[in-house]
């Protein structure tokens, strides 16, 4: 009878080095993608802070008894500021304009591309931004990430990449 050759057991050094190289390449690609994903997740708090003003502004514009929009001296009533203690971990300031544009300033990301930069929500009536004479009309949509947004679009969630 012929004796069978003994089968090789284990891995060679070359095979192990190839596996380590593949894992290294995957990690080099995955880590930056994961970091950007976590920044987008944190940005959802910034967008949510802007969204709280949408209802107030929409109702005020629609319930206006005259064409002229009249905003109280202190704004629409949904503003926030970290200096007064109403900000959050990722929201430094929520400001509004007389035409209902909501601007949120981000903080706490540890990234100069985001910290101190703004994202806006713009109320729209049809295809146009709200004008000073649109009192009593219905806000039909909001554009998130439009004019006035200084945060790069790559950090904004998919639902917030509009433009005016």
N, C-alpha and C. Protein backbone atom coordinates (compact mmCIF):
# COMPACT_ATOMS: atom_id res chain seq x y z
N UNK A 1 0.82 -1.18 0.00
CA UNK A 1 0.00 0.00 0.00
C UNK A 1 0.87 1.25 0.00
N UNK A 2 0.39 2.21 -0.72
CA UNK A 2 1.08 3.48 -0.75
C UNK A 2 0.66 4.31 0.45
N UNK A 3 1.62 5.01 0.98
CA UNK A 3 1.28 5.89 2.10
C UNK A 3 0.85 7.25 1.54
N UNK A 4 -0.17 7.79 2.15
CA UNK A 4 -0.68 9.09 1.71
C UNK A 4 0.19 10.19 2.32
N UNK A 5 0.36 11.27 1.53
CA UNK A 5 1.12 12.40 2.04
C UNK A 5 0.32 13.08 3.14
N UNK A 6 1.04 13.56 4.12
CA UNK A 6 0.41 14.26 5.21
C UNK A 6 -0.02 15.65 4.70
N UNK A 7 -1.29 16.05 4.96
CA UNK A 7 -1.80 17.34 4.52
C UNK A 7 -1.20 18.47 5.34
N UNK A 8 -1.02 19.59 4.68
CA UNK A 8 -0.46 20.75 5.35
C UNK A 8 -1.49 21.28 6.34
N UNK A 9 -1.06 21.69 7.50
CA UNK A 9 -1.95 22.24 8.50
C UNK A 9 -1.50 23.65 8.84
N UNK A 10 -2.49 24.54 9.06
CA UNK A 10 -2.16 25.91 9.40
C UNK A 10 -1.97 26.77 8.17
N UNK A 11 -1.57 28.02 8.40
CA UNK A 11 -1.39 28.98 7.32
C UNK A 11 0.08 29.34 7.19
N UNK A 12 0.48 29.67 5.98
CA UNK A 12 1.85 30.13 5.78
C UNK A 12 1.95 31.59 6.18
N UNK A 13 3.14 32.07 6.32
CA UNK A 13 3.35 33.46 6.70
C UNK A 13 2.80 34.40 5.63
N UNK A 14 2.96 34.06 4.38
CA UNK A 14 2.45 34.89 3.28
C UNK A 14 0.94 35.00 3.35
N UNK A 15 0.26 33.91 3.59
CA UNK A 15 -1.21 33.93 3.69
C UNK A 15 -1.66 34.83 4.84
N UNK A 16 -1.00 34.75 5.97
CA UNK A 16 -1.35 35.60 7.11
C UNK A 16 -1.10 37.07 6.81
N UNK A 17 0.00 37.36 6.10
CA UNK A 17 0.31 38.75 5.75
C UNK A 17 -0.73 39.31 4.79
N UNK A 18 -1.22 38.50 3.87
CA UNK A 18 -2.25 38.94 2.93
C UNK A 18 -3.54 39.27 3.68
N UNK A 19 -3.92 38.43 4.62
CA UNK A 19 -5.13 38.67 5.41
C UNK A 19 -4.99 39.96 6.22
N UNK A 20 -3.85 40.17 6.83
CA UNK A 20 -3.62 41.40 7.61
C UNK A 20 -3.67 42.62 6.70
N UNK A 21 -3.11 42.53 5.50
CA UNK A 21 -3.13 43.65 4.56
C UNK A 21 -4.56 43.96 4.13
N UNK A 22 -5.37 42.95 3.88
CA UNK A 22 -6.77 43.16 3.48
C UNK A 22 -7.54 43.85 4.61
N UNK A 23 -7.34 43.39 5.84
CA UNK A 23 -8.02 44.00 6.99
C UNK A 23 -7.58 45.46 7.14
N UNK A 24 -6.30 45.73 6.94
CA UNK A 24 -5.79 47.10 7.02
C UNK A 24 -6.42 48.01 5.99
N UNK A 25 -6.54 47.53 4.76
CA UNK A 25 -7.16 48.32 3.69
C UNK A 25 -8.62 48.59 4.01
N UNK A 26 -9.35 47.59 4.46
CA UNK A 26 -10.76 47.77 4.81
C UNK A 26 -10.92 48.78 5.94
N UNK A 27 -10.04 48.72 6.94
CA UNK A 27 -10.11 49.65 8.06
C UNK A 27 -9.80 51.08 7.59
N UNK A 28 -8.86 51.23 6.68
CA UNK A 28 -8.50 52.56 6.18
C UNK A 28 -9.65 53.20 5.40
N UNK A 29 -10.47 52.39 4.76
CA UNK A 29 -11.61 52.90 4.01
C UNK A 29 -12.80 53.11 4.95
N UNK A 30 -13.02 52.20 5.86
CA UNK A 30 -14.21 52.23 6.73
C UNK A 30 -14.15 53.34 7.78
N UNK A 31 -12.98 53.61 8.34
CA UNK A 31 -12.88 54.57 9.44
C UNK A 31 -13.32 55.98 9.03
N UNK A 32 -12.83 56.55 7.93
CA UNK A 32 -13.33 57.88 7.54
C UNK A 32 -14.82 57.88 7.23
N UNK A 33 -15.32 56.83 6.61
CA UNK A 33 -16.75 56.75 6.32
C UNK A 33 -17.56 56.71 7.61
N UNK A 34 -17.07 56.00 8.61
CA UNK A 34 -17.77 55.92 9.89
C UNK A 34 -17.75 57.27 10.60
N UNK A 35 -16.62 57.98 10.53
CA UNK A 35 -16.53 59.29 11.17
C UNK A 35 -17.51 60.27 10.54
N UNK A 36 -17.64 60.24 9.22
CA UNK A 36 -18.59 61.13 8.55
C UNK A 36 -20.02 60.72 8.91
N UNK A 37 -20.27 59.43 9.02
CA UNK A 37 -21.61 58.95 9.41
C UNK A 37 -21.98 59.45 10.80
N UNK A 38 -21.05 59.43 11.76
CA UNK A 38 -21.37 59.89 13.11
C UNK A 38 -21.62 61.40 13.13
N UNK A 39 -20.92 62.15 12.29
CA UNK A 39 -21.17 63.59 12.21
C UNK A 39 -22.56 63.86 11.64
N UNK A 40 -22.96 63.08 10.63
CA UNK A 40 -24.30 63.23 10.08
C UNK A 40 -25.36 62.90 11.13
N UNK A 41 -25.10 61.88 11.94
CA UNK A 41 -26.05 61.51 12.99
C UNK A 41 -26.17 62.64 14.02
N UNK A 42 -25.05 63.26 14.38
CA UNK A 42 -25.09 64.38 15.32
C UNK A 42 -25.80 65.58 14.70
N UNK A 43 -25.67 65.76 13.39
CA UNK A 43 -26.33 66.87 12.71
C UNK A 43 -27.84 66.77 12.79
N UNK A 44 -28.36 65.57 13.03
CA UNK A 44 -29.82 65.43 13.14
C UNK A 44 -30.34 66.24 14.31
N UNK A 45 -29.56 66.39 15.38
CA UNK A 45 -29.98 67.23 16.51
C UNK A 45 -30.05 68.70 16.09
N UNK A 46 -29.11 69.11 15.25
CA UNK A 46 -29.10 70.49 14.76
C UNK A 46 -30.34 70.74 13.90
N UNK A 47 -30.66 69.80 13.03
CA UNK A 47 -31.84 69.94 12.16
C UNK A 47 -33.11 69.92 13.01
N UNK A 48 -33.14 69.07 14.02
CA UNK A 48 -34.30 68.99 14.90
C UNK A 48 -34.50 70.31 15.65
N UNK A 49 -33.42 70.95 16.05
CA UNK A 49 -33.53 72.25 16.73
C UNK A 49 -34.16 73.29 15.80
N UNK A 50 -33.83 73.24 14.53
CA UNK A 50 -34.44 74.17 13.56
C UNK A 50 -35.89 73.81 13.31
N UNK A 51 -36.19 72.54 13.32
CA UNK A 51 -37.53 72.07 13.02
C UNK A 51 -38.56 72.50 14.06
N UNK A 52 -38.11 72.73 15.30
CA UNK A 52 -39.08 73.12 16.32
C UNK A 52 -39.71 74.47 15.99
N UNK A 53 -39.02 75.28 15.21
CA UNK A 53 -39.57 76.59 14.83
C UNK A 53 -40.55 76.49 13.65
N UNK A 54 -40.49 75.41 12.91
CA UNK A 54 -41.34 75.30 11.72
C UNK A 54 -42.82 75.45 12.05
N UNK A 55 -43.29 74.74 13.07
CA UNK A 55 -44.71 74.79 13.42
C UNK A 55 -45.13 76.19 13.82
N UNK A 56 -44.35 76.81 14.69
CA UNK A 56 -44.66 78.16 15.16
C UNK A 56 -44.75 79.14 14.00
N UNK A 57 -43.77 79.11 13.14
CA UNK A 57 -43.71 80.06 12.02
C UNK A 57 -44.83 79.79 11.02
N UNK A 58 -45.05 78.51 10.70
CA UNK A 58 -46.11 78.15 9.76
C UNK A 58 -47.47 78.61 10.26
N UNK A 59 -47.77 78.34 11.53
CA UNK A 59 -49.07 78.72 12.10
C UNK A 59 -49.22 80.24 12.17
N UNK A 60 -48.17 80.94 12.54
CA UNK A 60 -48.24 82.40 12.66
C UNK A 60 -48.48 83.04 11.30
N UNK A 61 -47.80 82.58 10.27
CA UNK A 61 -47.99 83.14 8.93
C UNK A 61 -49.42 82.87 8.46
N UNK A 62 -49.87 81.64 8.62
CA UNK A 62 -51.20 81.25 8.14
C UNK A 62 -52.31 81.96 8.92
N UNK A 63 -52.12 82.17 10.22
CA UNK A 63 -53.16 82.78 11.05
C UNK A 63 -53.15 84.30 11.01
N UNK A 64 -52.21 84.89 10.29
CA UNK A 64 -52.11 86.35 10.23
C UNK A 64 -53.39 86.92 9.61
N UNK A 65 -53.91 87.99 10.21
CA UNK A 65 -55.15 88.59 9.71
C UNK A 65 -54.89 89.64 8.63
N UNK A 66 -53.65 90.04 8.45
CA UNK A 66 -53.33 90.98 7.37
C UNK A 66 -52.25 90.38 6.49
N UNK A 67 -52.05 91.00 5.33
CA UNK A 67 -51.01 90.51 4.41
C UNK A 67 -49.62 90.72 4.99
N UNK A 68 -49.46 91.76 5.76
CA UNK A 68 -48.14 92.09 6.30
C UNK A 68 -47.80 91.17 7.45
N UNK A 69 -46.61 90.59 7.39
CA UNK A 69 -46.15 89.75 8.50
C UNK A 69 -45.69 90.65 9.63
N UNK A 70 -46.15 90.36 10.83
CA UNK A 70 -45.70 91.15 11.97
C UNK A 70 -45.12 90.19 13.00
N UNK A 71 -43.85 90.36 13.24
CA UNK A 71 -43.13 89.50 14.17
C UNK A 71 -42.84 90.30 15.42
N UNK A 72 -43.03 89.68 16.57
CA UNK A 72 -42.77 90.37 17.83
C UNK A 72 -41.30 90.77 17.91
N UNK A 73 -41.01 91.72 18.77
CA UNK A 73 -39.65 92.24 18.92
C UNK A 73 -38.66 91.14 19.30
N UNK A 74 -39.13 90.13 20.04
CA UNK A 74 -38.24 89.05 20.47
C UNK A 74 -38.25 87.88 19.50
N UNK A 75 -38.80 88.06 18.33
CA UNK A 75 -38.80 87.01 17.31
C UNK A 75 -40.07 86.18 17.33
N UNK A 76 -39.96 84.96 16.82
CA UNK A 76 -41.10 84.07 16.67
C UNK A 76 -41.39 83.27 17.95
N UNK A 77 -40.51 83.34 18.92
CA UNK A 77 -40.74 82.65 20.19
C UNK A 77 -40.13 81.26 20.28
N UNK A 78 -39.34 80.88 19.29
CA UNK A 78 -38.73 79.55 19.32
C UNK A 78 -37.20 79.61 19.31
N UNK A 79 -36.66 80.80 19.46
CA UNK A 79 -35.21 80.99 19.40
C UNK A 79 -34.54 80.37 20.64
N UNK A 80 -33.27 80.03 20.49
CA UNK A 80 -32.48 79.46 21.59
C UNK A 80 -31.05 79.98 21.48
N UNK A 81 -30.35 79.98 22.61
CA UNK A 81 -28.98 80.49 22.63
C UNK A 81 -28.23 79.82 23.78
N UNK A 82 -27.05 79.29 23.48
CA UNK A 82 -26.25 78.62 24.51
C UNK A 82 -25.87 79.59 25.62
N UNK A 83 -25.68 80.85 25.29
CA UNK A 83 -25.29 81.84 26.31
C UNK A 83 -26.38 82.01 27.36
N UNK A 84 -27.65 81.85 26.95
CA UNK A 84 -28.74 81.99 27.91
C UNK A 84 -29.14 80.64 28.51
N UNK A 85 -28.42 79.58 28.12
CA UNK A 85 -28.68 78.25 28.68
C UNK A 85 -29.73 77.45 27.93
N UNK A 86 -30.19 77.94 26.78
CA UNK A 86 -31.20 77.21 26.02
C UNK A 86 -30.63 76.44 24.84
N UNK A 87 -29.32 76.45 24.68
CA UNK A 87 -28.68 75.67 23.61
C UNK A 87 -28.56 74.21 24.06
N UNK A 88 -27.96 73.40 23.22
CA UNK A 88 -27.75 71.99 23.54
C UNK A 88 -26.29 71.62 23.27
N UNK A 89 -25.98 70.36 23.40
CA UNK A 89 -24.61 69.90 23.18
C UNK A 89 -24.11 70.25 21.77
N UNK A 90 -24.98 70.13 20.78
CA UNK A 90 -24.57 70.38 19.40
C UNK A 90 -25.18 71.64 18.79
N UNK A 91 -26.02 72.36 19.55
CA UNK A 91 -26.67 73.56 19.04
C UNK A 91 -26.24 74.76 19.89
N UNK A 92 -25.56 75.69 19.27
CA UNK A 92 -25.12 76.90 19.95
C UNK A 92 -26.23 77.94 19.96
N UNK A 93 -26.91 78.09 18.79
CA UNK A 93 -27.90 79.15 18.68
C UNK A 93 -28.94 78.81 17.63
N UNK A 94 -30.20 79.15 17.91
CA UNK A 94 -31.29 79.07 16.93
C UNK A 94 -31.80 80.50 16.79
N UNK A 95 -31.69 81.05 15.59
CA UNK A 95 -32.13 82.42 15.33
C UNK A 95 -33.15 82.40 14.19
N UNK A 96 -34.03 83.40 14.17
CA UNK A 96 -35.02 83.51 13.10
C UNK A 96 -34.98 84.91 12.51
N UNK A 97 -35.40 85.02 11.26
CA UNK A 97 -35.50 86.33 10.62
C UNK A 97 -36.96 86.76 10.60
N UNK A 98 -37.22 87.99 10.21
CA UNK A 98 -38.58 88.50 10.13
C UNK A 98 -39.41 87.74 9.10
N UNK A 99 -38.75 87.10 8.12
CA UNK A 99 -39.46 86.34 7.09
C UNK A 99 -39.53 84.86 7.43
N UNK A 100 -39.16 84.47 8.64
CA UNK A 100 -39.32 83.09 9.09
C UNK A 100 -38.16 82.17 8.78
N UNK A 101 -37.07 82.68 8.25
CA UNK A 101 -35.91 81.83 7.98
C UNK A 101 -35.27 81.46 9.32
N UNK A 102 -35.07 80.17 9.53
CA UNK A 102 -34.50 79.66 10.78
C UNK A 102 -33.04 79.34 10.52
N UNK A 103 -32.15 79.87 11.34
CA UNK A 103 -30.71 79.63 11.21
C UNK A 103 -30.20 79.02 12.51
N UNK A 104 -29.58 77.85 12.41
CA UNK A 104 -29.04 77.17 13.58
C UNK A 104 -27.52 77.12 13.45
N UNK A 105 -26.84 77.51 14.54
CA UNK A 105 -25.38 77.48 14.58
C UNK A 105 -24.95 76.25 15.36
N UNK A 106 -24.09 75.43 14.75
CA UNK A 106 -23.65 74.17 15.35
C UNK A 106 -22.44 74.39 16.26
N UNK A 107 -22.28 73.49 17.23
CA UNK A 107 -21.12 73.52 18.13
C UNK A 107 -20.86 72.10 18.62
N UNK A 108 -19.70 71.87 19.21
CA UNK A 108 -19.40 70.61 19.90
C UNK A 108 -19.05 69.43 19.02
N UNK A 109 -18.78 69.64 17.75
CA UNK A 109 -18.43 68.53 16.86
C UNK A 109 -16.94 68.24 16.87
N UNK A 110 -16.14 69.21 17.29
CA UNK A 110 -14.69 69.04 17.24
C UNK A 110 -14.16 69.07 15.82
N UNK A 111 -14.88 69.74 14.92
CA UNK A 111 -14.50 69.81 13.52
C UNK A 111 -14.72 71.25 13.05
N UNK A 112 -13.67 71.89 12.57
CA UNK A 112 -13.79 73.29 12.16
C UNK A 112 -14.68 73.47 10.94
N UNK A 113 -14.95 72.38 10.21
CA UNK A 113 -15.87 72.46 9.07
C UNK A 113 -17.32 72.57 9.51
N UNK A 114 -17.59 72.28 10.80
CA UNK A 114 -18.97 72.29 11.30
C UNK A 114 -19.15 73.30 12.44
N UNK A 115 -18.26 73.28 13.43
CA UNK A 115 -18.40 74.15 14.60
C UNK A 115 -18.44 75.62 14.18
N UNK A 116 -19.45 76.33 14.68
CA UNK A 116 -19.60 77.75 14.39
C UNK A 116 -20.24 78.04 13.04
N UNK A 117 -20.58 76.99 12.29
CA UNK A 117 -21.20 77.15 10.98
C UNK A 117 -22.73 77.01 11.11
N UNK A 118 -23.45 77.44 10.07
CA UNK A 118 -24.91 77.50 10.12
C UNK A 118 -25.59 76.55 9.14
N UNK A 119 -26.80 76.16 9.51
CA UNK A 119 -27.71 75.47 8.59
C UNK A 119 -29.04 76.22 8.67
N UNK A 120 -29.71 76.38 7.52
CA UNK A 120 -30.95 77.16 7.49
C UNK A 120 -32.14 76.32 7.06
N UNK A 121 -33.31 76.72 7.53
CA UNK A 121 -34.59 76.21 7.06
C UNK A 121 -35.36 77.42 6.55
N UNK A 122 -35.81 77.36 5.31
CA UNK A 122 -36.46 78.50 4.67
C UNK A 122 -37.91 78.13 4.36
N UNK A 123 -38.88 78.91 4.87
CA UNK A 123 -40.28 78.63 4.56
C UNK A 123 -40.61 79.04 3.13
N UNK A 124 -41.37 78.20 2.45
CA UNK A 124 -41.70 78.44 1.05
C UNK A 124 -43.22 78.48 0.87
N UNK A 125 -43.68 79.36 0.01
CA UNK A 125 -45.07 79.38 -0.45
C UNK A 125 -44.99 79.14 -1.94
N UNK A 126 -45.36 77.93 -2.34
CA UNK A 126 -45.16 77.54 -3.73
C UNK A 126 -43.67 77.39 -3.99
N UNK A 127 -43.19 78.08 -5.03
CA UNK A 127 -41.77 77.98 -5.39
C UNK A 127 -40.95 79.16 -4.87
N UNK A 128 -41.58 80.03 -4.08
CA UNK A 128 -40.88 81.23 -3.60
C UNK A 128 -40.77 81.24 -2.09
N UNK A 129 -39.70 81.87 -1.61
CA UNK A 129 -39.54 82.05 -0.16
C UNK A 129 -40.61 83.02 0.32
N UNK A 130 -40.98 82.90 1.60
CA UNK A 130 -41.99 83.77 2.19
C UNK A 130 -41.55 85.23 2.06
N UNK A 131 -42.49 86.08 1.66
CA UNK A 131 -42.24 87.52 1.54
C UNK A 131 -42.97 88.25 2.66
N UNK A 132 -42.64 89.51 2.85
CA UNK A 132 -43.23 90.31 3.92
C UNK A 132 -44.73 90.52 3.74
N UNK A 133 -45.24 90.28 2.54
CA UNK A 133 -46.67 90.48 2.27
C UNK A 133 -47.44 89.15 2.17
N UNK A 134 -46.87 88.07 2.71
CA UNK A 134 -47.50 86.75 2.60
C UNK A 134 -48.32 86.35 3.82
N UNK A 135 -48.67 87.29 4.67
CA UNK A 135 -49.50 86.99 5.82
C UNK A 135 -50.83 86.40 5.39
N UNK A 136 -51.30 85.40 6.13
CA UNK A 136 -52.56 84.75 5.81
C UNK A 136 -52.45 83.64 4.78
N UNK A 137 -51.29 83.46 4.19
CA UNK A 137 -51.09 82.39 3.21
C UNK A 137 -50.57 81.14 3.91
N UNK A 138 -50.63 80.02 3.20
CA UNK A 138 -50.18 78.76 3.76
C UNK A 138 -48.76 78.43 3.31
N UNK A 139 -47.88 78.15 4.28
CA UNK A 139 -46.53 77.70 3.96
C UNK A 139 -46.66 76.28 3.40
N UNK A 140 -46.20 76.08 2.17
CA UNK A 140 -46.38 74.78 1.52
C UNK A 140 -45.21 73.82 1.71
N UNK A 141 -44.02 74.37 1.99
CA UNK A 141 -42.86 73.50 2.19
C UNK A 141 -41.75 74.28 2.88
N UNK A 142 -40.73 73.56 3.28
CA UNK A 142 -39.55 74.15 3.90
C UNK A 142 -38.33 73.63 3.16
N UNK A 143 -37.38 74.51 2.88
CA UNK A 143 -36.13 74.10 2.25
C UNK A 143 -35.06 74.06 3.34
N UNK A 144 -34.49 72.89 3.53
CA UNK A 144 -33.44 72.71 4.54
C UNK A 144 -32.08 72.71 3.83
N UNK A 145 -31.14 73.48 4.35
CA UNK A 145 -29.81 73.53 3.75
C UNK A 145 -29.73 74.46 2.57
N UNK A 146 -30.62 75.43 2.51
CA UNK A 146 -30.64 76.36 1.39
C UNK A 146 -29.71 77.53 1.60
N UNK A 147 -30.06 78.65 1.00
CA UNK A 147 -29.27 79.87 1.07
C UNK A 147 -28.98 80.25 2.52
N UNK A 148 -27.74 80.54 2.83
CA UNK A 148 -27.34 80.88 4.19
C UNK A 148 -26.70 79.73 4.94
N UNK A 149 -26.77 78.53 4.39
CA UNK A 149 -26.14 77.37 5.02
C UNK A 149 -24.64 77.39 4.74
N UNK A 150 -23.84 77.36 5.81
CA UNK A 150 -22.39 77.40 5.64
C UNK A 150 -21.73 76.06 5.98
N UNK A 151 -22.51 75.10 6.45
CA UNK A 151 -21.99 73.75 6.71
C UNK A 151 -21.98 73.01 5.38
N UNK A 152 -20.90 72.31 5.10
CA UNK A 152 -20.80 71.55 3.85
C UNK A 152 -21.94 70.55 3.74
N UNK A 153 -22.50 70.42 2.54
CA UNK A 153 -23.64 69.53 2.33
C UNK A 153 -23.33 68.08 2.68
N UNK A 154 -22.06 67.68 2.61
CA UNK A 154 -21.71 66.29 2.90
C UNK A 154 -21.99 65.93 4.36
N UNK A 155 -22.09 66.92 5.26
CA UNK A 155 -22.37 66.64 6.66
C UNK A 155 -23.86 66.68 6.99
N UNK A 156 -24.68 67.16 6.06
CA UNK A 156 -26.11 67.26 6.31
C UNK A 156 -26.80 65.94 5.99
N UNK A 157 -27.85 65.62 6.76
CA UNK A 157 -28.60 64.38 6.47
C UNK A 157 -29.20 64.44 5.07
N UNK A 158 -29.55 63.29 4.54
CA UNK A 158 -30.10 63.21 3.17
C UNK A 158 -31.34 64.04 2.98
N UNK A 159 -32.13 64.22 4.02
CA UNK A 159 -33.37 64.99 3.91
C UNK A 159 -33.12 66.49 3.93
N UNK A 160 -31.88 66.91 4.08
CA UNK A 160 -31.57 68.33 4.24
C UNK A 160 -30.50 68.76 3.26
N UNK A 161 -30.78 68.66 1.97
CA UNK A 161 -29.80 69.07 0.97
C UNK A 161 -30.44 69.93 -0.09
N UNK A 162 -31.40 70.76 0.36
CA UNK A 162 -32.12 71.61 -0.57
C UNK A 162 -31.27 72.78 -1.01
N UNK A 163 -31.82 73.57 -1.84
CA UNK A 163 -31.13 74.76 -2.28
C UNK A 163 -32.11 75.77 -2.84
N UNK A 164 -31.91 77.02 -2.52
CA UNK A 164 -32.76 78.08 -3.06
C UNK A 164 -31.85 79.07 -3.74
